[in-house]
Amino acid sequence: YIAEENSNSLIFLNAVFSLFQQALIIEVLSPSTEAADRGIKFAKYRQFSTLQEYVLVQVEQPGVEMFRRNQQGQWVLSEYGLGDSLQLESVNLEIAIADLYHQVKFS
């Protein structure tokens, strides 16, 4: 789901989070949506108490950024490159960043 920027989008997102108790959101960034994904969408997502991890996956170059809510409720940024592994604690999953980009060719 990509949230449209209108008055109903936050209401819809509240309903989705309430229904599914979402702990993880992964966004695949594109040049046309990157600013919104990093800005207004993340600002809305941070309002949901169940969200623990917000992951941004680059498409123009290999790289992943993860924001994780710590015990004090603050969001902490971690950056990952091709040689790293990403530990998604909210869903108990570890994945190598290189595996995310398997068969992807960058210009």
C-alpha atoms as a PDB file:
ATOM      1  CA  TYR A   1       0.000   0.000   0.000  1.00  0.00           C
ATOM      2  CA  ILE A   2       1.274   3.458  -0.893  1.00  0.00           C
ATOM      3  CA  ALA A   3      -0.476   6.125   1.125  1.00  0.00           C
ATOM      4  CA  GLU A   4      -1.998   8.923  -0.880  1.00  0.00           C
ATOM      5  CA  GLU A   5      -1.562  12.333   0.675  1.00  0.00           C
ATOM      6  CA  ASN A   6      -5.131  13.243   1.556  1.00  0.00           C
ATOM      7  CA  SER A   7      -7.215  13.559   4.691  1.00  0.00           C
ATOM      8  CA  ASN A   8      -8.257   9.892   4.626  1.00  0.00           C
ATOM      9  CA  SER A   9      -4.771   8.391   4.398  1.00  0.00           C
ATOM     10  CA  LEU A  10      -3.967   8.672   8.118  1.00  0.00           C
ATOM     11  CA  ILE A  11      -7.376   7.219   9.002  1.00  0.00           C
ATOM     12  CA  PHE A  12      -6.708   4.290   6.653  1.00  0.00           C
ATOM     13  CA  LEU A  13      -3.214   3.752   8.062  1.00  0.00           C
ATOM     14  CA  ASN A  14      -4.603   3.803  11.617  1.00  0.00           C
ATOM     15  CA  ALA A  15      -7.127   1.134  10.641  1.00  0.00           C
ATOM     16  CA  VAL A  16      -4.470  -1.062   9.008  1.00  0.00           C
ATOM     17  CA  PHE A  17      -2.114  -0.816  11.985  1.00  0.00           C
ATOM     18  CA  SER A  18      -4.931  -1.484  14.444  1.00  0.00           C
ATOM     19  CA  LEU A  19      -6.075  -4.511  12.489  1.00  0.00           C
ATOM     20  CA  PHE A  20      -2.704  -6.119  11.864  1.00  0.00           C
ATOM     21  CA  GLN A  21      -0.544  -4.759  14.724  1.00  0.00           C
ATOM     22  CA  GLN A  22       2.233  -4.073  12.214  1.00  0.00           C
ATOM     23  CA  ALA A  23       5.762  -4.029  13.608  1.00  0.00           C
ATOM     24  CA  LEU A  24       7.738  -3.699  10.351  1.00  0.00           C
ATOM     25  CA  ILE A  25       7.440  -1.590   7.218  1.00  0.00           C
ATOM     26  CA  ILE A  26       9.829  -1.949   4.281  1.00  0.00           C
ATOM     27  CA  GLU A  27       9.886   0.737   1.599  1.00  0.00           C
ATOM     28  CA  VAL A  28      11.674   0.253  -1.714  1.00  0.00           C
ATOM     29  CA  LEU A  29      12.783   3.748  -2.626  1.00  0.00           C
ATOM     30  CA  SER A  30      12.406   5.248  -6.062  1.00  0.00           C
ATOM     31  CA  PRO A  31      13.544   8.701  -7.143  1.00  0.00           C
ATOM     32  CA  SER A  32       9.937   9.887  -7.393  1.00  0.00           C
ATOM     33  CA  THR A  33       8.860   8.690  -3.910  1.00  0.00           C
ATOM     34  CA  GLU A  34      12.046   8.853  -1.825  1.00  0.00           C
ATOM     35  CA  ALA A  35      11.374  12.269  -0.299  1.00  0.00           C
ATOM     36  CA  ALA A  36       7.837  11.294   0.738  1.00  0.00           C
ATOM     37  CA  ASP A  37       8.985   7.911   2.091  1.00  0.00           C
ATOM     38  CA  ARG A  38      11.658   9.565   4.240  1.00  0.00           C
ATOM     39  CA  GLY A  39       9.518  12.499   5.272  1.00  0.00           C
ATOM     40  CA  ILE A  40       5.758  12.613   5.562  1.00  0.00           C
ATOM     41  CA  LYS A  41       5.132   8.845   5.419  1.00  0.00           C
ATOM     42  CA  PHE A  42       7.715   8.052   8.087  1.00  0.00           C
ATOM     43  CA  ALA A  43       6.351  10.875  10.246  1.00  0.00           C
ATOM     44  CA  LYS A  44       2.898   9.246  10.029  1.00  0.00           C
ATOM     45  CA  TYR A  45       4.234   5.750  10.640  1.00  0.00           C
ATOM     46  CA  ARG A  46       6.093   6.860  13.799  1.00  0.00           C
ATOM     47  CA  GLN A  47       2.707   7.602  15.388  1.00  0.00           C
ATOM     48  CA  PHE A  48       1.862   3.893  15.548  1.00  0.00           C
ATOM     49  CA  SER A  49       2.943   2.309  18.809  1.00  0.00           C
ATOM     50  CA  THR A  50       3.267  -1.164  17.282  1.00  0.00           C
ATOM     51  CA  LEU A  51       5.803  -0.123  14.629  1.00  0.00           C
ATOM     52  CA  GLN A  52       9.299  -1.200  15.679  1.00  0.00           C
ATOM     53  CA  GLU A  53      11.315  -1.132  12.439  1.00  0.00           C
ATOM     54  CA  TYR A  54      11.191   0.993   9.288  1.00  0.00           C
ATOM     55  CA  VAL A  55      13.462  -0.155   6.453  1.00  0.00           C
ATOM     56  CA  LEU A  56      14.400   1.829   3.343  1.00  0.00           C
ATOM     57  CA  VAL A  57      15.896  -0.110   0.436  1.00  0.00           C
ATOM     58  CA  GLN A  58      17.839   1.834  -2.194  1.00  0.00           C
ATOM     59  CA  VAL A  59      17.336   0.999  -5.868  1.00  0.00           C
ATOM     60  CA  GLU A  60      19.890   3.244  -7.559  1.00  0.00           C
ATOM     61  CA  GLN A  61      22.796   1.859  -5.501  1.00  0.00           C
ATOM     62  CA  PRO A  62      23.151  -0.984  -3.022  1.00  0.00           C
ATOM     63  CA  GLY A  63      22.273   0.139   0.452  1.00  0.00           C
ATOM     64  CA  VAL A  64      19.685  -0.265   3.176  1.00  0.00           C
ATOM     65  CA  GLU A  65      18.780   2.040   6.041  1.00  0.00           C
ATOM     66  CA  MET A  66      16.870   0.799   9.046  1.00  0.00           C
ATOM     67  CA  PHE A  67      15.229   2.892  11.716  1.00  0.00           C
ATOM     68  CA  ARG A  68      14.525   0.897  14.889  1.00  0.00           C
ATOM     69  CA  ARG A  69      12.590   2.149  17.897  1.00  0.00           C
ATOM     70  CA  ASN A  70      14.673   1.691  21.045  1.00  0.00           C
ATOM     71  CA  GLN A  71      13.414   1.073  24.588  1.00  0.00           C
ATOM     72  CA  GLN A  72      13.167   4.814  25.202  1.00  0.00           C
ATOM     73  CA  GLY A  73      10.907   5.200  22.148  1.00  0.00           C
ATOM     74  CA  GLN A  74      13.556   6.966  20.075  1.00  0.00           C
ATOM     75  CA  TRP A  75      14.289   5.997  16.472  1.00  0.00           C
ATOM     76  CA  VAL A  76      17.868   4.863  15.842  1.00  0.00           C
ATOM     77  CA  LEU A  77      19.307   4.743  12.314  1.00  0.00           C
ATOM     78  CA  SER A  78      21.568   1.905  11.121  1.00  0.00           C
ATOM     79  CA  GLU A  79      23.029   1.727   7.626  1.00  0.00           C
ATOM     80  CA  TYR A  80      23.947  -1.461   5.772  1.00  0.00           C
ATOM     81  CA  GLY A  81      26.040  -2.214   2.691  1.00  0.00           C
ATOM     82  CA  LEU A  82      26.623  -5.249   0.494  1.00  0.00           C
ATOM     83  CA  GLY A  83      28.864  -7.007   3.019  1.00  0.00           C
ATOM     84  CA  ASP A  84      26.404  -6.667   5.891  1.00  0.00           C
ATOM     85  CA  SER A  85      23.449  -8.650   7.193  1.00  0.00           C
ATOM     86  CA  LEU A  86      20.194  -7.058   8.260  1.00  0.00           C
ATOM     87  CA  GLN A  87      18.637  -8.373  11.477  1.00  0.00           C
ATOM     88  CA  LEU A  88      14.897  -7.708  11.563  1.00  0.00           C
ATOM     89  CA  GLU A  89      14.120  -8.281  15.218  1.00  0.00           C
ATOM     90  CA  SER A  90      10.412  -7.562  14.821  1.00  0.00           C
ATOM     91  CA  VAL A  91       9.935 -10.637  12.633  1.00  0.00           C
ATOM     92  CA  ASN A  92      12.953 -12.681  13.799  1.00  0.00           C
ATOM     93  CA  LEU A  93      14.658 -12.700  10.396  1.00  0.00           C
ATOM     94  CA  GLU A  94      18.237 -12.123   9.289  1.00  0.00           C
ATOM     95  CA  ILE A  95      19.051 -11.506   5.633  1.00  0.00           C
ATOM     96  CA  ALA A  96      22.285 -10.689   3.844  1.00  0.00           C
ATOM     97  CA  ILE A  97      22.122  -7.363   2.018  1.00  0.00           C
ATOM     98  CA  ALA A  98      23.854  -9.023  -0.945  1.00  0.00           C
ATOM     99  CA  ASP A  99      20.903 -11.427  -1.186  1.00  0.00           C
ATOM    100  CA  LEU A 100      18.501  -8.491  -1.514  1.00  0.00           C
ATOM    101  CA  TYR A 101      20.422  -7.306  -4.557  1.00  0.00           C
ATOM    102  CA  HIS A 102      21.089 -10.702  -6.124  1.00  0.00           C
ATOM    103  CA  GLN A 103      20.919 -10.326  -9.921  1.00  0.00           C
ATOM    104  CA  VAL A 104      20.426  -6.539  -9.721  1.00  0.00           C
ATOM    105  CA  LYS A 105      22.706  -4.549 -12.030  1.00  0.00           C
ATOM    106  CA  PHE A 106      23.438  -0.934 -11.198  1.00  0.00           C
ATOM    107  CA  SER A 107      24.365   1.592 -13.832  1.00  0.00           C
END
